[in-house]
PDB file of N, CA and C in Angstrom:
ATOM      1  N   MET A   1     134.646  34.803 -21.019  1.00  0.00           N
ATOM      2  CA  MET A   1     134.364  36.041 -21.748  1.00  0.00           C
ATOM      3  C   MET A   1     133.875  37.063 -20.724  1.00  0.00           C
ATOM      4  N   PRO A   2     134.729  38.103 -20.478  1.00  0.00           N
ATOM      5  CA  PRO A   2     134.357  39.118 -19.449  1.00  0.00           C
ATOM      6  C   PRO A   2     133.080  39.927 -19.812  1.00  0.00           C
ATOM      7  N   LEU A   3     132.250  40.169 -18.834  1.00  0.00           N
ATOM      8  CA  LEU A   3     131.105  41.062 -18.993  1.00  0.00           C
ATOM      9  C   LEU A   3     131.629  42.501 -18.905  1.00  0.00           C
ATOM     10  N   VAL A   4     131.448  43.288 -19.954  1.00  0.00           N
ATOM     11  CA  VAL A   4     131.860  44.652 -20.027  1.00  0.00           C
ATOM     12  C   VAL A   4     130.839  45.585 -19.506  1.00  0.00           C
ATOM     13  N   SER A   5     129.581  45.361 -19.797  1.00  0.00           N
ATOM     14  CA  SER A   5     128.516  46.204 -19.378  1.00  0.00           C
ATOM     15  C   SER A   5     127.174  45.467 -19.409  1.00  0.00           C
ATOM     16  N   GLU A   6     126.236  46.009 -18.702  1.00  0.00           N
ATOM     17  CA  GLU A   6     124.864  45.433 -18.693  1.00  0.00           C
ATOM     18  C   GLU A   6     123.839  46.526 -18.501  1.00  0.00           C
ATOM     19  N   PHE A   7     122.789  46.585 -19.317  1.00  0.00           N
ATOM     20  CA  PHE A   7     121.789  47.554 -19.218  1.00  0.00           C
ATOM     21  C   PHE A   7     120.520  47.118 -19.939  1.00  0.00           C
ATOM     22  N   PHE A   8     119.365  47.365 -19.336  1.00  0.00           N
ATOM     23  CA  PHE A   8     118.037  46.992 -19.876  1.00  0.00           C
ATOM     24  C   PHE A   8     117.965  45.579 -20.303  1.00  0.00           C
ATOM     25  N   GLY A   9     118.598  44.686 -19.585  1.00  0.00           N
ATOM     26  CA  GLY A   9     118.584  43.238 -19.923  1.00  0.00           C
ATOM     27  C   GLY A   9     119.566  42.800 -21.022  1.00  0.00           C
ATOM     28  N   ILE A  10     120.354  43.766 -21.484  1.00  0.00           N
ATOM     29  CA  ILE A  10     121.361  43.501 -22.547  1.00  0.00           C
ATOM     30  C   ILE A  10     122.703  43.332 -21.823  1.00  0.00           C
ATOM     31  N   LYS A  11     123.410  42.322 -22.272  1.00  0.00           N
ATOM     32  CA  LYS A  11     124.722  42.003 -21.749  1.00  0.00           C
ATOM     33  C   LYS A  11     125.781  42.196 -22.899  1.00  0.00           C
ATOM     34  N   ILE A  12     126.843  42.980 -22.532  1.00  0.00           N
ATOM     35  CA  ILE A  12     127.924  43.242 -23.501  1.00  0.00           C
ATOM     36  C   ILE A  12     129.178  42.495 -22.985  1.00  0.00           C
ATOM     37  N   TYR A  13     129.778  41.682 -23.949  1.00  0.00           N
ATOM     38  CA  TYR A  13     130.981  40.899 -23.573  1.00  0.00           C
ATOM     39  C   TYR A  13     132.092  41.209 -24.586  1.00  0.00           C
ATOM     40  N   MET A  14     133.351  40.916 -24.167  1.00  0.00           N
ATOM     41  CA  MET A  14     134.513  40.912 -25.023  1.00  0.00           C
ATOM     42  C   MET A  14     135.366  39.705 -24.716  1.00  0.00           C
ATOM     43  N   TYR A  15     135.991  39.136 -25.757  1.00  0.00           N
ATOM     44  CA  TYR A  15     136.945  38.068 -25.571  1.00  0.00           C
ATOM     45  C   TYR A  15     138.352  38.606 -25.612  1.00  0.00           C
ATOM     46  N   TRP A  16     139.288  37.885 -24.982  1.00  0.00           N
ATOM     47  CA  TRP A  16     140.694  38.235 -25.114  1.00  0.00           C
ATOM     48  C   TRP A  16     141.114  37.684 -26.480  1.00  0.00           C
ATOM     49  N   ALA A  17     142.030  38.459 -27.138  1.00  0.00           N
ATOM     50  CA  ALA A  17     142.639  38.045 -28.387  1.00  0.00           C
ATOM     51  C   ALA A  17     141.612  37.518 -29.432  1.00  0.00           C
ATOM     52  N   ASP A  18     140.489  38.211 -29.558  1.00  0.00           N
ATOM     53  CA  ASP A  18     139.426  37.889 -30.501  1.00  0.00           C
ATOM     54  C   ASP A  18     139.869  38.214 -31.919  1.00  0.00           C
ATOM     55  N   HIS A  19     139.141  37.715 -32.859  1.00  0.00           N
ATOM     56  CA  HIS A  19     139.429  37.998 -34.287  1.00  0.00           C
ATOM     57  C   HIS A  19     138.999  39.402 -34.686  1.00  0.00           C
ATOM     58  N   PHE A  20     139.519  39.885 -35.746  1.00  0.00           N
ATOM     59  CA  PHE A  20     139.203  41.167 -36.308  1.00  0.00           C
ATOM     60  C   PHE A  20     137.965  41.037 -37.148  1.00  0.00           C
ATOM     61  N   PRO A  21     137.205  42.049 -37.467  1.00  0.00           N
ATOM     62  CA  PRO A  21     137.421  43.450 -37.084  1.00  0.00           C
ATOM     63  C   PRO A  21     137.108  43.645 -35.603  1.00  0.00           C
ATOM     64  N   LYS A  22     137.461  44.813 -35.093  1.00  0.00           N
ATOM     65  CA  LYS A  22     137.253  45.179 -33.710  1.00  0.00           C
ATOM     66  C   LYS A  22     135.728  45.095 -33.396  1.00  0.00           C
ATOM     67  N   HIS A  23     135.350  44.290 -32.411  1.00  0.00           N
ATOM     68  CA  HIS A  23     133.911  44.106 -32.159  1.00  0.00           C
ATOM     69  C   HIS A  23     133.705  43.668 -30.726  1.00  0.00           C
ATOM     70  N   PHE A  24     132.437  43.653 -30.339  1.00  0.00           N
ATOM     71  CA  PHE A  24     131.992  43.118 -29.011  1.00  0.00           C
ATOM     72  C   PHE A  24     130.812  42.230 -29.269  1.00  0.00           C
ATOM     73  N   HIS A  25     130.496  41.504 -28.254  1.00  0.00           N
ATOM     74  CA  HIS A  25     129.323  40.596 -28.338  1.00  0.00           C
ATOM     75  C   HIS A  25     128.176  41.169 -27.484  1.00  0.00           C
ATOM     76  N   ALA A  26     126.992  41.215 -28.021  1.00  0.00           N
ATOM     77  CA  ALA A  26     125.818  41.690 -27.318  1.00  0.00           C
ATOM     78  C   ALA A  26     124.801  40.534 -27.232  1.00  0.00           C
ATOM     79  N   GLU A  27     124.182  40.386 -26.042  1.00  0.00           N
ATOM     80  CA  GLU A  27     123.170  39.341 -25.827  1.00  0.00           C
ATOM     81  C   GLU A  27     121.937  39.937 -25.181  1.00  0.00           C
ATOM     82  N   TYR A  28     120.822  39.505 -25.674  1.00  0.00           N
ATOM     83  CA  TYR A  28     119.559  39.862 -25.086  1.00  0.00           C
ATOM     84  C   TYR A  28     118.683  38.633 -25.124  1.00  0.00           C
ATOM     85  N   GLY A  29     118.429  38.058 -23.945  1.00  0.00           N
ATOM     86  CA  GLY A  29     117.700  36.742 -23.951  1.00  0.00           C
ATOM     87  C   GLY A  29     118.448  35.729 -24.700  1.00  0.00           C
ATOM     88  N   SER A  30     117.799  35.118 -25.723  1.00  0.00           N
ATOM     89  CA  SER A  30     118.501  34.127 -26.510  1.00  0.00           C
ATOM     90  C   SER A  30     119.034  34.715 -27.841  1.00  0.00           C
ATOM     91  N   SER A  31     118.879  36.028 -28.030  1.00  0.00           N
ATOM     92  CA  SER A  31     119.464  36.722 -29.172  1.00  0.00           C
ATOM     93  C   SER A  31     120.875  37.148 -28.955  1.00  0.00           C
ATOM     94  N   LYS A  32     121.710  36.957 -29.969  1.00  0.00           N
ATOM     95  CA  LYS A  32     123.096  37.313 -29.874  1.00  0.00           C
ATOM     96  C   LYS A  32     123.573  37.984 -31.178  1.00  0.00           C
ATOM     97  N   ALA A  33     124.538  38.914 -31.018  1.00  0.00           N
ATOM     98  CA  ALA A  33     125.018  39.659 -32.168  1.00  0.00           C
ATOM     99  C   ALA A  33     126.479  40.073 -31.921  1.00  0.00           C
ATOM    100  N   LEU A  34     127.227  40.133 -32.978  1.00  0.00           N
ATOM    101  CA  LEU A  34     128.599  40.752 -32.893  1.00  0.00           C
ATOM    102  C   LEU A  34     128.461  42.118 -33.485  1.00  0.00           C
ATOM    103  N   ILE A  35     128.962  43.084 -32.808  1.00  0.00           N
ATOM    104  CA  ILE A  35     128.831  44.512 -33.230  1.00  0.00           C
ATOM    105  C   ILE A  35     130.164  45.094 -33.477  1.00  0.00           C
ATOM    106  N   SER A  36     130.325  45.684 -34.675  1.00  0.00           N
ATOM    107  CA  SER A  36     131.578  46.408 -35.063  1.00  0.00           C
ATOM    108  C   SER A  36     131.719  47.638 -34.204  1.00  0.00           C
ATOM    109  N   ILE A  37     132.833  47.824 -33.611  1.00  0.00           N
ATOM    110  CA  ILE A  37     133.126  49.024 -32.766  1.00  0.00           C
ATOM    111  C   ILE A  37     133.275  50.254 -33.703  1.00  0.00           C
ATOM    112  N   GLN A  38     134.034  50.063 -34.768  1.00  0.00           N
ATOM    113  CA  GLN A  38     134.394  51.228 -35.603  1.00  0.00           C
ATOM    114  C   GLN A  38     133.131  51.757 -36.340  1.00  0.00           C
ATOM    115  N   GLU A  39     132.311  50.835 -36.874  1.00  0.00           N
ATOM    116  CA  GLU A  39     131.185  51.302 -37.683  1.00  0.00           C
ATOM    117  C   GLU A  39     129.861  51.242 -36.912  1.00  0.00           C
ATOM    118  N   SER A  40     129.788  50.734 -35.731  1.00  0.00           N
ATOM    119  CA  SER A  40     128.567  50.556 -34.973  1.00  0.00           C
ATOM    120  C   SER A  40     127.481  49.887 -35.789  1.00  0.00           C
ATOM    121  N   VAL A  41     127.793  48.741 -36.361  1.00  0.00           N
ATOM    122  CA  VAL A  41     126.861  47.904 -37.128  1.00  0.00           C
ATOM    123  C   VAL A  41     126.969  46.483 -36.707  1.00  0.00           C
ATOM    124  N   VAL A  42     125.912  45.671 -37.015  1.00  0.00           N
ATOM    125  CA  VAL A  42     125.935  44.303 -36.696  1.00  0.00           C
ATOM    126  C   VAL A  42     126.814  43.577 -37.758  1.00  0.00           C
ATOM    127  N   ILE A  43     127.760  42.750 -37.245  1.00  0.00           N
ATOM    128  CA  ILE A  43     128.607  41.965 -38.130  1.00  0.00           C
ATOM    129  C   ILE A  43     127.928  40.614 -38.435  1.00  0.00           C
ATOM    130  N   LYS A  44     127.371  40.111 -37.328  1.00  0.00           N
ATOM    131  CA  LYS A  44     126.810  38.723 -37.384  1.00  0.00           C
ATOM    132  C   LYS A  44     125.745  38.606 -36.281  1.00  0.00           C
ATOM    133  N   GLY A  45     124.685  37.878 -36.548  1.00  0.00           N
ATOM    134  CA  GLY A  45     123.646  37.640 -35.543  1.00  0.00           C
ATOM    135  C   GLY A  45     122.503  38.667 -35.622  1.00  0.00           C
ATOM    136  N   VAL A  46     121.707  38.642 -34.626  1.00  0.00           N
ATOM    137  CA  VAL A  46     120.512  39.490 -34.619  1.00  0.00           C
ATOM    138  C   VAL A  46     120.115  39.800 -33.162  1.00  0.00           C
ATOM    139  N   LEU A  47     119.563  41.010 -32.995  1.00  0.00           N
ATOM    140  CA  LEU A  47     118.960  41.433 -31.806  1.00  0.00           C
ATOM    141  C   LEU A  47     117.616  42.043 -32.115  1.00  0.00           C
ATOM    142  N   PRO A  48     116.663  42.034 -31.171  1.00  0.00           N
ATOM    143  CA  PRO A  48     115.397  42.709 -31.455  1.00  0.00           C
ATOM    144  C   PRO A  48     115.684  44.220 -31.765  1.00  0.00           C
ATOM    145  N   ALA A  49     114.863  44.756 -32.627  1.00  0.00           N
ATOM    146  CA  ALA A  49     115.073  46.154 -33.102  1.00  0.00           C
ATOM    147  C   ALA A  49     115.245  47.155 -31.931  1.00  0.00           C
ATOM    148  N   LYS A  50     114.476  47.144 -30.915  1.00  0.00           N
ATOM    149  CA  LYS A  50     114.599  48.110 -29.827  1.00  0.00           C
ATOM    150  C   LYS A  50     115.928  47.926 -29.128  1.00  0.00           C
ATOM    151  N   GLN A  51     116.309  46.716 -28.810  1.00  0.00           N
ATOM    152  CA  GLN A  51     117.536  46.447 -28.131  1.00  0.00           C
ATOM    153  C   GLN A  51     118.783  46.811 -29.018  1.00  0.00           C
ATOM    154  N   LEU A  52     118.637  46.512 -30.306  1.00  0.00           N
ATOM    155  CA  LEU A  52     119.730  46.862 -31.187  1.00  0.00           C
ATOM    156  C   LEU A  52     119.975  48.416 -31.219  1.00  0.00           C
ATOM    157  N   LYS A  53     118.896  49.122 -31.283  1.00  0.00           N
ATOM    158  CA  LYS A  53     119.058  50.610 -31.213  1.00  0.00           C
ATOM    159  C   LYS A  53     119.778  51.083 -29.929  1.00  0.00           C
ATOM    160  N   LEU A  54     119.454  50.499 -28.888  1.00  0.00           N
ATOM    161  CA  LEU A  54     120.103  50.820 -27.584  1.00  0.00           C
ATOM    162  C   LEU A  54     121.609  50.446 -27.593  1.00  0.00           C
ATOM    163  N   VAL A  55     121.912  49.232 -28.133  1.00  0.00           N
ATOM    164  CA  VAL A  55     123.294  48.796 -28.205  1.00  0.00           C
ATOM    165  C   VAL A  55     124.065  49.683 -29.125  1.00  0.00           C
ATOM    166  N   LEU A  56     123.542  50.063 -30.254  1.00  0.00           N
ATOM    167  CA  LEU A  56     124.283  50.894 -31.219  1.00  0.00           C
ATOM    168  C   LEU A  56     124.510  52.298 -30.689  1.00  0.00           C
ATOM    169  N   ALA A  57     123.527  52.834 -29.919  1.00  0.00           N
ATOM    170  CA  ALA A  57     123.690  54.129 -29.289  1.00  0.00           C
ATOM    171  C   ALA A  57     124.790  54.048 -28.233  1.00  0.00           C
ATOM    172  N   TRP A  58     124.767  52.984 -27.388  1.00  0.00           N
ATOM    173  CA  TRP A  58     125.781  52.748 -26.346  1.00  0.00           C
ATOM    174  C   TRP A  58     127.156  52.661 -27.006  1.00  0.00           C
ATOM    175  N   CYS A  59     127.213  51.948 -28.134  1.00  0.00           N
ATOM    176  CA  CYS A  59     128.525  51.820 -28.846  1.00  0.00           C
ATOM    177  C   CYS A  59     129.105  53.162 -29.266  1.00  0.00           C
ATOM    178  N   GLU A  60     128.244  53.987 -29.798  1.00  0.00           N
ATOM    179  CA  GLU A  60     128.660  55.348 -30.244  1.00  0.00           C
ATOM    180  C   GLU A  60     129.206  56.157 -29.061  1.00  0.00           C
ATOM    181  N   ILE A  61     128.470  56.099 -27.981  1.00  0.00           N
ATOM    182  CA  ILE A  61     128.811  56.871 -26.749  1.00  0.00           C
ATOM    183  C   ILE A  61     130.162  56.390 -26.130  1.00  0.00           C
ATOM    184  N   HIS A  62     130.392  55.138 -26.199  1.00  0.00           N
ATOM    185  CA  HIS A  62     131.544  54.493 -25.548  1.00  0.00           C
ATOM    186  C   HIS A  62     132.620  54.013 -26.514  1.00  0.00           C
ATOM    187  N   LYS A  63     132.607  54.530 -27.723  1.00  0.00           N
ATOM    188  CA  LYS A  63     133.546  54.023 -28.751  1.00  0.00           C
ATOM    189  C   LYS A  63     135.005  54.011 -28.283  1.00  0.00           C
ATOM    190  N   GLU A  64     135.483  55.094 -27.687  1.00  0.00           N
ATOM    191  CA  GLU A  64     136.845  55.218 -27.313  1.00  0.00           C
ATOM    192  C   GLU A  64     137.195  54.138 -26.263  1.00  0.00           C
ATOM    193  N   GLU A  65     136.330  54.038 -25.273  1.00  0.00           N
ATOM    194  CA  GLU A  65     136.533  52.990 -24.217  1.00  0.00           C
ATOM    195  C   GLU A  65     136.556  51.578 -24.799  1.00  0.00           C
ATOM    196  N   LEU A  66     135.669  51.376 -25.765  1.00  0.00           N
ATOM    197  CA  LEU A  66     135.604  50.040 -26.398  1.00  0.00           C
ATOM    198  C   LEU A  66     136.936  49.757 -27.163  1.00  0.00           C
ATOM    199  N   ILE A  67     137.396  50.722 -27.868  1.00  0.00           N
ATOM    200  CA  ILE A  67     138.639  50.580 -28.572  1.00  0.00           C
ATOM    201  C   ILE A  67     139.839  50.306 -27.623  1.00  0.00           C
ATOM    202  N   GLN A  68     139.856  51.025 -26.499  1.00  0.00           N
ATOM    203  CA  GLN A  68     140.922  50.746 -25.522  1.00  0.00           C
ATOM    204  C   GLN A  68     140.764  49.380 -24.951  1.00  0.00           C
ATOM    205  N   ASN A  69     139.556  48.892 -24.674  1.00  0.00           N
ATOM    206  CA  ASN A  69     139.354  47.552 -24.221  1.00  0.00           C
ATOM    207  C   ASN A  69     139.854  46.509 -25.241  1.00  0.00           C
ATOM    208  N   TRP A  70     139.465  46.756 -26.518  1.00  0.00           N
ATOM    209  CA  TRP A  70     139.878  45.849 -27.609  1.00  0.00           C
ATOM    210  C   TRP A  70     141.378  45.756 -27.693  1.00  0.00           C
ATOM    211  N   ASN A  71     142.028  46.918 -27.680  1.00  0.00           N
ATOM    212  CA  ASN A  71     143.502  46.943 -27.805  1.00  0.00           C
ATOM    213  C   ASN A  71     144.148  46.167 -26.578  1.00  0.00           C
ATOM    214  N   SER A  72     143.598  46.408 -25.440  1.00  0.00           N
ATOM    215  CA  SER A  72     144.148  45.760 -24.257  1.00  0.00           C
ATOM    216  C   SER A  72     143.907  44.265 -24.357  1.00  0.00           C
ATOM    217  N   ALA A  73     142.712  43.828 -24.774  1.00  0.00           N
ATOM    218  CA  ALA A  73     142.337  42.404 -24.906  1.00  0.00           C
ATOM    219  C   ALA A  73     143.242  41.718 -25.871  1.00  0.00           C
ATOM    220  N   GLN A  74     143.707  42.393 -26.893  1.00  0.00           N
ATOM    221  CA  GLN A  74     144.582  41.770 -27.933  1.00  0.00           C
ATOM    222  C   GLN A  74     145.920  41.416 -27.320  1.00  0.00           C
ATOM    223  N   GLN A  75     146.288  42.119 -26.220  1.00  0.00           N
ATOM    224  CA  GLN A  75     147.534  41.863 -25.517  1.00  0.00           C
ATOM    225  C   GLN A  75     147.326  41.007 -24.257  1.00  0.00           C
ATOM    226  N   HIS A  76     146.076  40.426 -24.165  1.00  0.00           N
ATOM    227  CA  HIS A  76     145.678  39.629 -22.999  1.00  0.00           C
ATOM    228  C   HIS A  76     145.688  40.420 -21.733  1.00  0.00           C
ATOM    229  N   GLY A  77     145.431  41.740 -21.879  1.00  0.00           N
ATOM    230  CA  GLY A  77     145.420  42.675 -20.754  1.00  0.00           C
ATOM    231  C   GLY A  77     144.017  42.848 -20.166  1.00  0.00           C
ATOM    232  N   GLU A  78     143.887  43.792 -19.303  1.00  0.00           N
ATOM    233  CA  GLU A  78     142.627  43.988 -18.561  1.00  0.00           C
ATOM    234  C   GLU A  78     141.500  44.406 -19.561  1.00  0.00           C
ATOM    235  N   ILE A  79     140.324  43.948 -19.341  1.00  0.00           N
ATOM    236  CA  ILE A  79     139.086  44.433 -20.032  1.00  0.00           C
ATOM    237  C   ILE A  79     138.266  45.138 -19.042  1.00  0.00           C
ATOM    238  N   ALA A  80     138.243  46.418 -19.112  1.00  0.00           N
ATOM    239  CA  ALA A  80     137.571  47.234 -18.073  1.00  0.00           C
ATOM    240  C   ALA A  80     136.080  47.259 -18.248  1.00  0.00           C
ATOM    241  N   LYS A  81     135.370  47.420 -17.142  1.00  0.00           N
ATOM    242  CA  LYS A  81     133.914  47.676 -17.218  1.00  0.00           C
ATOM    243  C   LYS A  81     133.649  49.002 -17.837  1.00  0.00           C
ATOM    244  N   ILE A  82     132.542  49.101 -18.524  1.00  0.00           N
ATOM    245  CA  ILE A  82     132.092  50.364 -19.165  1.00  0.00           C
ATOM    246  C   ILE A  82     130.686  50.648 -18.652  1.00  0.00           C
ATOM    247  N   GLY A  83     130.409  51.833 -18.376  1.00  0.00           N
ATOM    248  CA  GLY A  83     129.118  52.273 -17.830  1.00  0.00           C
ATOM    249  C   GLY A  83     128.009  51.860 -18.698  1.00  0.00           C
ATOM    250  N   PRO A  84     126.808  51.610 -18.082  1.00  0.00           N
ATOM    251  CA  PRO A  84     125.639  51.288 -18.865  1.00  0.00           C
ATOM    252  C   PRO A  84     124.999  52.478 -19.544  1.00  0.00           C
ATOM    253  N   LEU A  85     124.106  52.202 -20.476  1.00  0.00           N
ATOM    254  CA  LEU A  85     123.274  53.231 -21.084  1.00  0.00           C
ATOM    255  C   LEU A  85     122.229  53.621 -20.038  1.00  0.00           C
ATOM    256  N   LYS A  86     122.041  54.890 -19.875  1.00  0.00           N
ATOM    257  CA  LYS A  86     121.041  55.368 -18.829  1.00  0.00           C
ATOM    258  C   LYS A  86     119.907  56.087 -19.560  1.00  0.00           C
TER     259      LYS A  86
END
């Protein structure tokens, strides 16, 4: 599972040919969540409140890049790195 971005101890991953809806995986310590790209909401799992707010803000900022990565991953193509939240 390629690492897409990392910021404030949060790691963002995407799988190739993953199931719908369009999403990414966020990890912080032992906490993990699947985040919907389109709606910027948690599909499954849990993150601490502060880290969740950061991940959702990052998702909104990078939505187009995330969608491009998702579409590429569905074709087993390149999953590009995306800049961190600053």
